[in-house]
Amino acid sequence: ITPYRIIDSCSIMIEASKITVITQDKMDTSGCRVIDAQG
């Protein structure tokens, strides 16, 4: 959810305390704790 629209099938990368990546592309999950938002 953005202030303007809803973007489906999105991924967000969080590193330490900040948002570093927002994408609809497939992300490499190695070295990450993954939370599946399940739609």
Full PDB file with SEQRES, HELIX, SHEET, SSBOND, CRYST1, ORIGX, SCALE, CONECT and MASTER records, all heavy atoms in Angstrom:
SEQRES   1 A   39  ILE THR PRO TYR ARG ILE ILE ASP SER CYS SER ILE MET          
SEQRES   2 A   39  ILE GLU ALA SER LYS ILE THR VAL ILE THR GLN ASP LYS          
SEQRES   3 A   39  MET ASP THR SER GLY CYS ARG VAL ILE ASP ALA GLN GLY          
SHEET    1 AA1 2 SER A  11  GLU A  15  0                                        
SHEET    2 AA1 2 LYS A  18  THR A  23 -1                                        
CRYST1    1.000    1.000    1.000  90.00  90.00  90.00 P 1           1          
ORIGX1      1.000000  0.000000  0.000000        0.00000                         
ORIGX2      0.000000  1.000000  0.000000        0.00000                         
ORIGX3      0.000000  0.000000  1.000000        0.00000                         
SCALE1      1.000000  0.000000  0.000000        0.00000                         
SCALE2      0.000000  1.000000  0.000000        0.00000                         
SCALE3      0.000000  0.000000  1.000000        0.00000                         
ATOM      1  N   ILE A   1       0.844  -1.191   0.000  1.00  0.00           N  
ATOM      2  CA  ILE A   1       0.000   0.000   0.000  1.00  0.00           C  
ATOM      3  C   ILE A   1       0.881   1.243   0.000  1.00  0.00           C  
ATOM      4  O   ILE A   1       1.694   1.449   0.902  1.00  0.00           O  
ATOM      5  CB  ILE A   1      -0.928   0.021   1.226  1.00  0.00           C  
ATOM      6  CG1 ILE A   1      -1.841  -1.203   1.232  1.00  0.00           C  
ATOM      7  CG2 ILE A   1      -1.758   1.306   1.250  1.00  0.00           C  
ATOM      8  CD1 ILE A   1      -2.717  -1.322   2.459  1.00  0.00           C  
ATOM      9  N   THR A   2       0.729   2.068  -1.026  1.00  0.00           N  
ATOM     10  CA  THR A   2       1.402   3.364  -1.087  1.00  0.00           C  
ATOM     11  C   THR A   2       0.338   4.448  -0.857  1.00  0.00           C  
ATOM     12  O   THR A   2      -0.863   4.147  -0.800  1.00  0.00           O  
ATOM     13  CB  THR A   2       2.081   3.594  -2.450  1.00  0.00           C  
ATOM     14  OG1 THR A   2       1.098   4.048  -3.394  1.00  0.00           O  
ATOM     15  CG2 THR A   2       2.750   2.325  -2.962  1.00  0.00           C  
ATOM     16  N   PRO A   3       0.716   5.718  -0.739  1.00  0.00           N  
ATOM     17  CA  PRO A   3      -0.303   6.761  -0.608  1.00  0.00           C  
ATOM     18  C   PRO A   3      -1.177   6.923  -1.853  1.00  0.00           C  
ATOM     19  O   PRO A   3      -2.156   7.673  -1.814  1.00  0.00           O  
ATOM     20  CB  PRO A   3       0.533   8.032  -0.377  1.00  0.00           C  
ATOM     21  CG  PRO A   3       1.826   7.553   0.182  1.00  0.00           C  
ATOM     22  CD  PRO A   3       2.077   6.247  -0.512  1.00  0.00           C  
ATOM     23  N   TYR A   4      -0.838   6.207  -2.943  1.00  0.00           N  
ATOM     24  CA  TYR A   4      -1.519   6.419  -4.219  1.00  0.00           C  
ATOM     25  C   TYR A   4      -2.173   5.174  -4.803  1.00  0.00           C  
ATOM     26  O   TYR A   4      -3.113   5.281  -5.593  1.00  0.00           O  
ATOM     27  CB  TYR A   4      -0.533   6.975  -5.246  1.00  0.00           C  
ATOM     28  CG  TYR A   4       0.344   8.071  -4.688  1.00  0.00           C  
ATOM     29  CD1 TYR A   4       1.662   7.826  -4.327  1.00  0.00           C  
ATOM     30  CD2 TYR A   4      -0.173   9.352  -4.469  1.00  0.00           C  
ATOM     31  CE1 TYR A   4       2.462   8.835  -3.797  1.00  0.00           C  
ATOM     32  CE2 TYR A   4       0.620  10.361  -3.934  1.00  0.00           C  
ATOM     33  CZ  TYR A   4       1.935  10.094  -3.601  1.00  0.00           C  
ATOM     34  OH  TYR A   4       2.721  11.087  -3.058  1.00  0.00           O  
ATOM     35  N   ARG A   5      -1.669   3.992  -4.421  1.00  0.00           N  
ATOM     36  CA  ARG A   5      -2.161   2.780  -5.072  1.00  0.00           C  
ATOM     37  C   ARG A   5      -1.751   1.551  -4.270  1.00  0.00           C  
ATOM     38  O   ARG A   5      -1.066   1.651  -3.243  1.00  0.00           O  
ATOM     39  CB  ARG A   5      -1.580   2.673  -6.485  1.00  0.00           C  
ATOM     40  CG  ARG A   5      -0.055   2.627  -6.520  1.00  0.00           C  
ATOM     41  CD  ARG A   5       0.492   2.483  -7.922  1.00  0.00           C  
ATOM     42  NE  ARG A   5       1.941   2.528  -7.962  1.00  0.00           N  
ATOM     43  CZ  ARG A   5       2.697   1.832  -8.798  1.00  0.00           C  
ATOM     44  NH1 ARG A   5       2.135   1.012  -9.676  1.00  0.00           N  
ATOM     45  NH2 ARG A   5       4.008   1.964  -8.792  1.00  0.00           N  
ATOM     46  N   ILE A   6      -2.158   0.381  -4.781  1.00  0.00           N  
ATOM     47  CA  ILE A   6      -1.767  -0.908  -4.210  1.00  0.00           C  
ATOM     48  C   ILE A   6      -0.975  -1.658  -5.266  1.00  0.00           C  
ATOM     49  O   ILE A   6      -1.420  -1.795  -6.415  1.00  0.00           O  
ATOM     50  CB  ILE A   6      -2.997  -1.720  -3.772  1.00  0.00           C  
ATOM     51  CG1 ILE A   6      -3.735  -0.982  -2.649  1.00  0.00           C  
ATOM     52  CG2 ILE A   6      -2.576  -3.113  -3.309  1.00  0.00           C  
ATOM     53  CD1 ILE A   6      -5.053  -1.602  -2.278  1.00  0.00           C  
ATOM     54  N   ILE A   7       0.220  -2.125  -4.895  1.00  0.00           N  
ATOM     55  CA  ILE A   7       1.095  -2.835  -5.825  1.00  0.00           C  
ATOM     56  C   ILE A   7       1.089  -4.313  -5.454  1.00  0.00           C  
ATOM     57  O   ILE A   7       1.521  -4.694  -4.352  1.00  0.00           O  
ATOM     58  CB  ILE A   7       2.535  -2.286  -5.775  1.00  0.00           C  
ATOM     59  CG1 ILE A   7       2.541  -0.774  -6.033  1.00  0.00           C  
ATOM     60  CG2 ILE A   7       3.413  -3.004  -6.788  1.00  0.00           C  
ATOM     61  CD1 ILE A   7       3.901  -0.127  -5.847  1.00  0.00           C  
ATOM     62  N   ASP A   8       0.606  -5.161  -6.342  1.00  0.00           N  
ATOM     63  CA  ASP A   8       0.510  -6.592  -6.070  1.00  0.00           C  
ATOM     64  C   ASP A   8       1.863  -7.287  -6.207  1.00  0.00           C  
ATOM     65  O   ASP A   8       2.778  -6.795  -6.879  1.00  0.00           O  
ATOM     66  CB  ASP A   8      -0.497  -7.242  -7.018  1.00  0.00           C  
ATOM     67  CG  ASP A   8      -1.927  -6.816  -6.730  1.00  0.00           C  
ATOM     68  OD1 ASP A   8      -2.239  -6.543  -5.556  1.00  0.00           O  
ATOM     69  OD2 ASP A   8      -2.727  -6.744  -7.684  1.00  0.00           O  
ATOM     70  N   SER A   9       1.968  -8.439  -5.569  1.00  0.00           N  
ATOM     71  CA  SER A   9       3.143  -9.321  -5.683  1.00  0.00           C  
ATOM     72  C   SER A   9       4.438  -8.552  -5.467  1.00  0.00           C  
ATOM     73  O   SER A   9       5.366  -8.610  -6.283  1.00  0.00           O  
ATOM     74  CB  SER A   9       3.150 -10.006  -7.056  1.00  0.00           C  
ATOM     75  OG  SER A   9       1.955 -10.728  -7.258  1.00  0.00           O  
ATOM     76  N   CYS A  10       4.513  -7.869  -4.352  1.00  0.00           N  
ATOM     77  CA  CYS A  10       5.656  -7.002  -4.082  1.00  0.00           C  
ATOM     78  C   CYS A  10       6.544  -7.604  -2.993  1.00  0.00           C  
ATOM     79  O   CYS A  10       6.078  -8.338  -2.111  1.00  0.00           O  
ATOM     80  CB  CYS A  10       5.155  -5.630  -3.639  1.00  0.00           C  
ATOM     81  SG  CYS A  10       6.328  -4.302  -3.933  1.00  0.00           S  
ATOM     82  N   SER A  11       7.823  -7.292  -3.076  1.00  0.00           N  
ATOM     83  CA  SER A  11       8.787  -7.698  -2.049  1.00  0.00           C  
ATOM     84  C   SER A  11       9.461  -6.461  -1.462  1.00  0.00           C  
ATOM     85  O   SER A  11       9.708  -5.483  -2.177  1.00  0.00           O  
ATOM     86  CB  SER A  11       9.852  -8.626  -2.636  1.00  0.00           C  
ATOM     87  OG  SER A  11       9.276  -9.832  -3.100  1.00  0.00           O  
ATOM     88  N   ILE A  12       9.776  -6.528  -0.171  1.00  0.00           N  
ATOM     89  CA  ILE A  12      10.463  -5.435   0.516  1.00  0.00           C  
ATOM     90  C   ILE A  12      11.655  -6.015   1.265  1.00  0.00           C  
ATOM     91  O   ILE A  12      11.501  -6.952   2.051  1.00  0.00           O  
ATOM     92  CB  ILE A  12       9.541  -4.711   1.516  1.00  0.00           C  
ATOM     93  CG1 ILE A  12       8.344  -4.091   0.797  1.00  0.00           C  
ATOM     94  CG2 ILE A  12      10.306  -3.639   2.285  1.00  0.00           C  
ATOM     95  CD1 ILE A  12       7.377  -3.414   1.738  1.00  0.00           C  
ATOM     96  N   MET A  13      12.817  -5.449   1.029  1.00  0.00           N  
ATOM     97  CA  MET A  13      14.015  -5.838   1.768  1.00  0.00           C  
ATOM     98  C   MET A  13      14.266  -4.826   2.875  1.00  0.00           C  
ATOM     99  O   MET A  13      14.258  -3.613   2.646  1.00  0.00           O  
ATOM    100  CB  MET A  13      15.231  -5.898   0.845  1.00  0.00           C  
ATOM    101  CG  MET A  13      16.547  -6.219   1.559  1.00  0.00           C  
ATOM    102  SD  MET A  13      16.613  -7.935   2.156  1.00  0.00           S  
ATOM    103  CE  MET A  13      17.014  -8.778   0.603  1.00  0.00           C  
ATOM    104  N   ILE A  14      14.488  -5.361   4.078  1.00  0.00           N  
ATOM    105  CA  ILE A  14      14.822  -4.539   5.238  1.00  0.00           C  
ATOM    106  C   ILE A  14      16.228  -4.917   5.688  1.00  0.00           C  
ATOM    107  O   ILE A  14      16.507  -6.090   5.938  1.00  0.00           O  
ATOM    108  CB  ILE A  14      13.823  -4.760   6.382  1.00  0.00           C  
ATOM    109  CG1 ILE A  14      12.416  -4.334   5.960  1.00  0.00           C  
ATOM    110  CG2 ILE A  14      14.259  -4.020   7.639  1.00  0.00           C  
ATOM    111  CD1 ILE A  14      11.327  -4.771   6.915  1.00  0.00           C  
ATOM    112  N   GLU A  15      17.100  -3.929   5.743  1.00  0.00           N  
ATOM    113  CA  GLU A  15      18.454  -4.163   6.241  1.00  0.00           C  
ATOM    114  C   GLU A  15      18.659  -3.272   7.450  1.00  0.00           C  
ATOM    115  O   GLU A  15      18.563  -2.052   7.359  1.00  0.00           O  
ATOM    116  CB  GLU A  15      19.484  -3.869   5.150  1.00  0.00           C  
ATOM    117  CG  GLU A  15      19.324  -4.768   3.921  1.00  0.00           C  
ATOM    118  CD  GLU A  15      20.427  -4.569   2.903  1.00  0.00           C  
ATOM    119  OE1 GLU A  15      21.597  -4.427   3.316  1.00  0.00           O  
ATOM    120  OE2 GLU A  15      20.120  -4.549   1.699  1.00  0.00           O  
ATOM    121  N   ALA A  16      18.938  -3.937   8.593  1.00  0.00           N  
ATOM    122  CA  ALA A  16      19.008  -3.243   9.878  1.00  0.00           C  
ATOM    123  C   ALA A  16      17.675  -2.547  10.125  1.00  0.00           C  
ATOM    124  O   ALA A  16      16.652  -3.195  10.243  1.00  0.00           O  
ATOM    125  CB  ALA A  16      20.182  -2.288   9.936  1.00  0.00           C  
ATOM    126  N   SER A  17      17.632  -1.226  10.134  1.00  0.00           N  
ATOM    127  CA  SER A  17      16.396  -0.511  10.471  1.00  0.00           C  
ATOM    128  C   SER A  17      15.768   0.209   9.285  1.00  0.00           C  
ATOM    129  O   SER A  17      14.796   0.938   9.463  1.00  0.00           O  
ATOM    130  CB  SER A  17      16.688   0.509  11.576  1.00  0.00           C  
ATOM    131  OG  SER A  17      17.611   1.486  11.104  1.00  0.00           O  
ATOM    132  N   LYS A  18      16.291  -0.023   8.069  1.00  0.00           N  
ATOM    133  CA  LYS A  18      15.835   0.742   6.916  1.00  0.00           C  
ATOM    134  C   LYS A  18      15.291  -0.150   5.803  1.00  0.00           C  
ATOM    135  O   LYS A  18      15.659  -1.322   5.678  1.00  0.00           O  
ATOM    136  CB  LYS A  18      16.987   1.591   6.351  1.00  0.00           C  
ATOM    137  CG  LYS A  18      17.612   2.560   7.348  1.00  0.00           C  
ATOM    138  CD  LYS A  18      16.649   3.640   7.796  1.00  0.00           C  
ATOM    139  CE  LYS A  18      17.322   4.617   8.756  1.00  0.00           C  
ATOM    140  NZ  LYS A  18      16.368   5.663   9.226  1.00  0.00           N  
ATOM    141  N   ILE A  19      14.436   0.447   4.970  1.00  0.00           N  
ATOM    142  CA  ILE A  19      13.950  -0.214   3.763  1.00  0.00           C  
ATOM    143  C   ILE A  19      14.962   0.034   2.659  1.00  0.00           C  
ATOM    144  O   ILE A  19      15.284   1.189   2.346  1.00  0.00           O  
ATOM    145  CB  ILE A  19      12.566   0.343   3.363  1.00  0.00           C  
ATOM    146  CG1 ILE A  19      11.530   0.040   4.441  1.00  0.00           C  
ATOM    147  CG2 ILE A  19      12.127  -0.225   2.014  1.00  0.00           C  
ATOM    148  CD1 ILE A  19      10.203   0.738   4.230  1.00  0.00           C  
ATOM    149  N   THR A  20      15.472  -1.034   2.073  1.00  0.00           N  
ATOM    150  CA  THR A  20      16.534  -0.880   1.073  1.00  0.00           C  
ATOM    151  C   THR A  20      16.110  -1.284  -0.340  1.00  0.00           C  
ATOM    152  O   THR A  20      16.721  -0.852  -1.311  1.00  0.00           O  
ATOM    153  CB  THR A  20      17.778  -1.678   1.473  1.00  0.00           C  
ATOM    154  OG1 THR A  20      17.426  -3.064   1.626  1.00  0.00           O  
ATOM    155  CG2 THR A  20      18.362  -1.151   2.786  1.00  0.00           C  
ATOM    156  N   VAL A  21      15.104  -2.150  -0.448  1.00  0.00           N  
ATOM    157  CA  VAL A  21      14.643  -2.581  -1.772  1.00  0.00           C  
ATOM    158  C   VAL A  21      13.130  -2.722  -1.739  1.00  0.00           C  
ATOM    159  O   VAL A  21      12.563  -3.259  -0.780  1.00  0.00           O  
ATOM    160  CB  VAL A  21      15.264  -3.930  -2.198  1.00  0.00           C  
ATOM    161  CG1 VAL A  21      14.716  -4.358  -3.566  1.00  0.00           C  
ATOM    162  CG2 VAL A  21      16.780  -3.853  -2.247  1.00  0.00           C  
ATOM    163  N   ILE A  22      12.474  -2.227  -2.785  1.00  0.00           N  
ATOM    164  CA  ILE A  22      11.050  -2.482  -3.028  1.00  0.00           C  
ATOM    165  C   ILE A  22      10.937  -2.882  -4.490  1.00  0.00           C  
ATOM    166  O   ILE A  22      11.322  -2.126  -5.380  1.00  0.00           O  
ATOM    167  CB  ILE A  22      10.181  -1.243  -2.752  1.00  0.00           C  
ATOM    168  CG1 ILE A  22      10.303  -0.805  -1.288  1.00  0.00           C  
ATOM    169  CG2 ILE A  22       8.719  -1.523  -3.105  1.00  0.00           C  
ATOM    170  CD1 ILE A  22       9.579   0.492  -0.973  1.00  0.00           C  
ATOM    171  N   THR A  23      10.413  -4.078  -4.745  1.00  0.00           N  
ATOM    172  CA  THR A  23      10.421  -4.576  -6.117  1.00  0.00           C  
ATOM    173  C   THR A  23       9.317  -5.597  -6.339  1.00  0.00           C  
ATOM    174  O   THR A  23       8.849  -6.236  -5.383  1.00  0.00           O  
ATOM    175  CB  THR A  23      11.779  -5.210  -6.465  1.00  0.00           C  
ATOM    176  OG1 THR A  23      11.781  -5.627  -7.829  1.00  0.00           O  
ATOM    177  CG2 THR A  23      12.067  -6.401  -5.577  1.00  0.00           C  
ATOM    178  N   GLN A  24       8.914  -5.752  -7.592  1.00  0.00           N  
ATOM    179  CA  GLN A  24       8.033  -6.847  -7.986  1.00  0.00           C  
ATOM    180  C   GLN A  24       8.829  -7.998  -8.610  1.00  0.00           C  
ATOM    181  O   GLN A  24       8.249  -9.021  -8.972  1.00  0.00           O  
ATOM    182  CB  GLN A  24       6.976  -6.343  -8.981  1.00  0.00           C  
ATOM    183  CG  GLN A  24       5.923  -5.450  -8.341  1.00  0.00           C  
ATOM    184  CD  GLN A  24       4.897  -4.961  -9.342  1.00  0.00           C  
ATOM    185  OE1 GLN A  24       5.207  -4.127 -10.196  1.00  0.00           O  
ATOM    186  NE2 GLN A  24       3.666  -5.454  -9.250  1.00  0.00           N  
ATOM    187  N   ASP A  25      10.145  -7.803  -8.702  1.00  0.00           N  
ATOM    188  CA  ASP A  25      11.002  -8.856  -9.235  1.00  0.00           C  
ATOM    189  C   ASP A  25      11.267  -9.912  -8.169  1.00  0.00           C  
ATOM    190  O   ASP A  25      11.182  -9.653  -6.965  1.00  0.00           O  
ATOM    191  CB  ASP A  25      12.331  -8.266  -9.706  1.00  0.00           C  
ATOM    192  CG  ASP A  25      12.159  -7.300 -10.865  1.00  0.00           C  
ATOM    193  OD1 ASP A  25      11.158  -7.439 -11.598  1.00  0.00           O  
ATOM    194  OD2 ASP A  25      13.009  -6.397 -11.013  1.00  0.00           O  
ATOM    195  N   LYS A  26      11.635 -11.107  -8.603  1.00  0.00           N  
ATOM    196  CA  LYS A  26      11.987 -12.171  -7.680  1.00  0.00           C  
ATOM    197  C   LYS A  26      13.296 -11.824  -6.985  1.00  0.00           C  
ATOM    198  O   LYS A  26      14.253 -11.383  -7.630  1.00  0.00           O  
ATOM    199  CB  LYS A  26      12.119 -13.502  -8.436  1.00  0.00           C  
ATOM    200  CG  LYS A  26      12.354 -14.700  -7.538  1.00  0.00           C  
ATOM    201  CD  LYS A  26      12.328 -15.981  -8.343  1.00  0.00           C  
ATOM    202  CE  LYS A  26      12.601 -17.207  -7.470  1.00  0.00           C  
ATOM    203  NZ  LYS A  26      11.584 -17.363  -6.402  1.00  0.00           N  
ATOM    204  N   MET A  27      13.355 -12.030  -5.680  1.00  0.00           N  
ATOM    205  CA  MET A  27      14.523 -11.658  -4.885  1.00  0.00           C  
ATOM    206  C   MET A  27      15.291 -12.893  -4.422  1.00  0.00           C  
ATOM    207  O   MET A  27      14.708 -13.955  -4.174  1.00  0.00           O  
ATOM    208  CB  MET A  27      14.085 -10.860  -3.658  1.00  0.00           C  
ATOM    209  CG  MET A  27      13.490  -9.497  -3.974  1.00  0.00           C  
ATOM    210  SD  MET A  27      14.758  -8.280  -4.358  1.00  0.00           S  
ATOM    211  CE  MET A  27      15.573  -8.120  -2.773  1.00  0.00           C  
ATOM    212  N   ASP A  28      16.599 -12.733  -4.298  1.00  0.00           N  
ATOM    213  CA  ASP A  28      17.446 -13.770  -3.714  1.00  0.00           C  
ATOM    214  C   ASP A  28      17.203 -13.777  -2.210  1.00  0.00           C  
ATOM    215  O   ASP A  28      17.375 -12.761  -1.530  1.00  0.00           O  
ATOM    216  CB  ASP A  28      18.910 -13.457  -4.013  1.00  0.00           C  
ATOM    217  CG  ASP A  28      19.861 -14.491  -3.428  1.00  0.00           C  
ATOM    218  OD1 ASP A  28      19.381 -15.515  -2.895  1.00  0.00           O  
ATOM    219  OD2 ASP A  28      21.086 -14.256  -3.478  1.00  0.00           O  
ATOM    220  N   THR A  29      16.795 -14.912  -1.665  1.00  0.00           N  
ATOM    221  CA  THR A  29      16.451 -15.006  -0.244  1.00  0.00           C  
ATOM    222  C   THR A  29      17.599 -15.480   0.636  1.00  0.00           C  
ATOM    223  O   THR A  29      17.439 -15.576   1.849  1.00  0.00           O  
ATOM    224  CB  THR A  29      15.256 -15.951  -0.051  1.00  0.00           C  
ATOM    225  OG1 THR A  29      15.622 -17.264  -0.491  1.00  0.00           O  
ATOM    226  CG2 THR A  29      14.042 -15.466  -0.830  1.00  0.00           C  
ATOM    227  N   SER A  30      18.742 -15.765   0.043  1.00  0.00           N  
ATOM    228  CA  SER A  30      19.852 -16.285   0.850  1.00  0.00           C  
ATOM    229  C   SER A  30      20.315 -15.228   1.853  1.00  0.00           C  
ATOM    230  O   SER A  30      20.447 -14.049   1.531  1.00  0.00           O  
ATOM    231  CB  SER A  30      21.017 -16.691  -0.056  1.00  0.00           C  
ATOM    232  OG  SER A  30      21.466 -15.595  -0.820  1.00  0.00           O  
ATOM    233  N   GLY A  31      20.534 -15.675   3.081  1.00  0.00           N  
ATOM    234  CA  GLY A  31      20.999 -14.777   4.132  1.00  0.00           C  
ATOM    235  C   GLY A  31      19.923 -13.882   4.712  1.00  0.00           C  
ATOM    236  O   GLY A  31      20.225 -12.956   5.478  1.00  0.00           O  
ATOM    237  N   CYS A  32      18.666 -14.162   4.364  1.00  0.00           N  
ATOM    238  CA  CYS A  32      17.563 -13.316   4.844  1.00  0.00           C  
ATOM    239  C   CYS A  32      16.592 -14.117   5.697  1.00  0.00           C  
ATOM    240  O   CYS A  32      16.392 -15.320   5.485  1.00  0.00           O  
ATOM    241  CB  CYS A  32      16.763 -12.740   3.674  1.00  0.00           C  
ATOM    242  SG  CYS A  32      17.693 -11.717   2.536  1.00  0.00           S  
ATOM    243  N   ARG A  33      15.992 -13.436   6.656  1.00  0.00           N  
ATOM    244  CA  ARG A  33      14.804 -13.983   7.285  1.00  0.00           C  
ATOM    245  C   ARG A  33      13.632 -13.611   6.378  1.00  0.00           C  
ATOM    246  O   ARG A  33      13.414 -12.435   6.063  1.00  0.00           O  
ATOM    247  CB  ARG A  33      14.582 -13.399   8.678  1.00  0.00           C  
ATOM    248  CG  ARG A  33      13.269 -13.856   9.291  1.00  0.00           C  
ATOM    249  CD  ARG A  33      13.142 -13.535  10.749  1.00  0.00           C  
ATOM    250  NE  ARG A  33      11.891 -14.027  11.281  1.00  0.00           N  
ATOM    251  CZ  ARG A  33      11.569 -14.048  12.572  1.00  0.00           C  
ATOM    252  NH1 ARG A  33      12.431 -13.575  13.451  1.00  0.00           N  
ATOM    253  NH2 ARG A  33      10.404 -14.508  12.977  1.00  0.00           N  
ATOM    254  N   VAL A  34      12.879 -14.611   5.944  1.00  0.00           N  
ATOM    255  CA  VAL A  34      11.812 -14.385   4.974  1.00  0.00           C  
ATOM    256  C   VAL A  34      10.452 -14.414   5.670  1.00  0.00           C  
ATOM    257  O   VAL A  34      10.151 -15.332   6.438  1.00  0.00           O  
ATOM    258  CB  VAL A  34      11.845 -15.434   3.849  1.00  0.00           C  
ATOM    259  CG1 VAL A  34      10.688 -15.209   2.873  1.00  0.00           C  
ATOM    260  CG2 VAL A  34      13.183 -15.384   3.112  1.00  0.00           C  
ATOM    261  N   ILE A  35       9.659 -13.400   5.401  1.00  0.00           N  
ATOM    262  CA  ILE A  35       8.273 -13.366   5.866  1.00  0.00           C  
ATOM    263  C   ILE A  35       7.385 -13.417   4.636  1.00  0.00           C  
ATOM    264  O   ILE A  35       7.424 -12.520   3.788  1.00  0.00           O  
ATOM    265  CB  ILE A  35       7.973 -12.088   6.679  1.00  0.00           C  
ATOM    266  CG1 ILE A  35       8.817 -12.042   7.952  1.00  0.00           C  
ATOM    267  CG2 ILE A  35       6.484 -12.017   7.023  1.00  0.00           C  
ATOM    268  CD1 ILE A  35       8.627 -10.776   8.760  1.00  0.00           C  
ATOM    269  N   ASP A  36       6.616 -14.493   4.507  1.00  0.00           N  
ATOM    270  CA  ASP A  36       5.682 -14.628   3.387  1.00  0.00           C  
ATOM    271  C   ASP A  36       4.374 -13.934   3.763  1.00  0.00           C  
ATOM    272  O   ASP A  36       3.650 -14.387   4.659  1.00  0.00           O  
ATOM    273  CB  ASP A  36       5.439 -16.109   3.103  1.00  0.00           C  
ATOM    274  CG  ASP A  36       4.562 -16.324   1.869  1.00  0.00           C  
ATOM    275  OD1 ASP A  36       4.007 -15.335   1.344  1.00  0.00           O  
ATOM    276  OD2 ASP A  36       4.425 -17.494   1.447  1.00  0.00           O  
ATOM    277  N   ALA A  37       4.076 -12.839   3.094  1.00  0.00           N  
ATOM    278  CA  ALA A  37       2.868 -12.083   3.409  1.00  0.00           C  
ATOM    279  C   ALA A  37       1.592 -12.775   2.945  1.00  0.00           C  
ATOM    280  O   ALA A  37       0.493 -12.328   3.295  1.00  0.00           O  
ATOM    281  CB  ALA A  37       2.951 -10.686   2.790  1.00  0.00           C  
ATOM    282  N   GLN A  38       1.731 -13.843   2.172  1.00  0.00           N  
ATOM    283  CA  GLN A  38       0.603 -14.693   1.777  1.00  0.00           C  
ATOM    284  C   GLN A  38      -0.509 -13.914   1.063  1.00  0.00           C  
ATOM    285  O   GLN A  38      -1.691 -14.225   1.170  1.00  0.00           O  
ATOM    286  CB  GLN A  38       0.029 -15.402   3.012  1.00  0.00           C  
ATOM    287  CG  GLN A  38       1.036 -16.264   3.740  1.00  0.00           C  
ATOM    288  CD  GLN A  38       0.492 -16.889   5.013  1.00  0.00           C  
ATOM    289  OE1 GLN A  38      -0.724 -17.052   5.164  1.00  0.00           O  
ATOM    290  NE2 GLN A  38       1.385 -17.229   5.938  1.00  0.00           N  
ATOM    291  N   GLY A  39      -0.104 -12.890   0.328  1.00  0.00           N  
ATOM    292  CA  GLY A  39      -1.090 -12.115  -0.405  1.00  0.00           C  
ATOM    293  C   GLY A  39      -1.818 -11.072   0.417  1.00  0.00           C  
ATOM    294  O   GLY A  39      -2.716 -10.384  -0.092  1.00  0.00           O  
TER     295      GLY A  39                                                      
MASTER        0    0    0    0    2    0    0    6  294    1    0    3          
END                                                                             
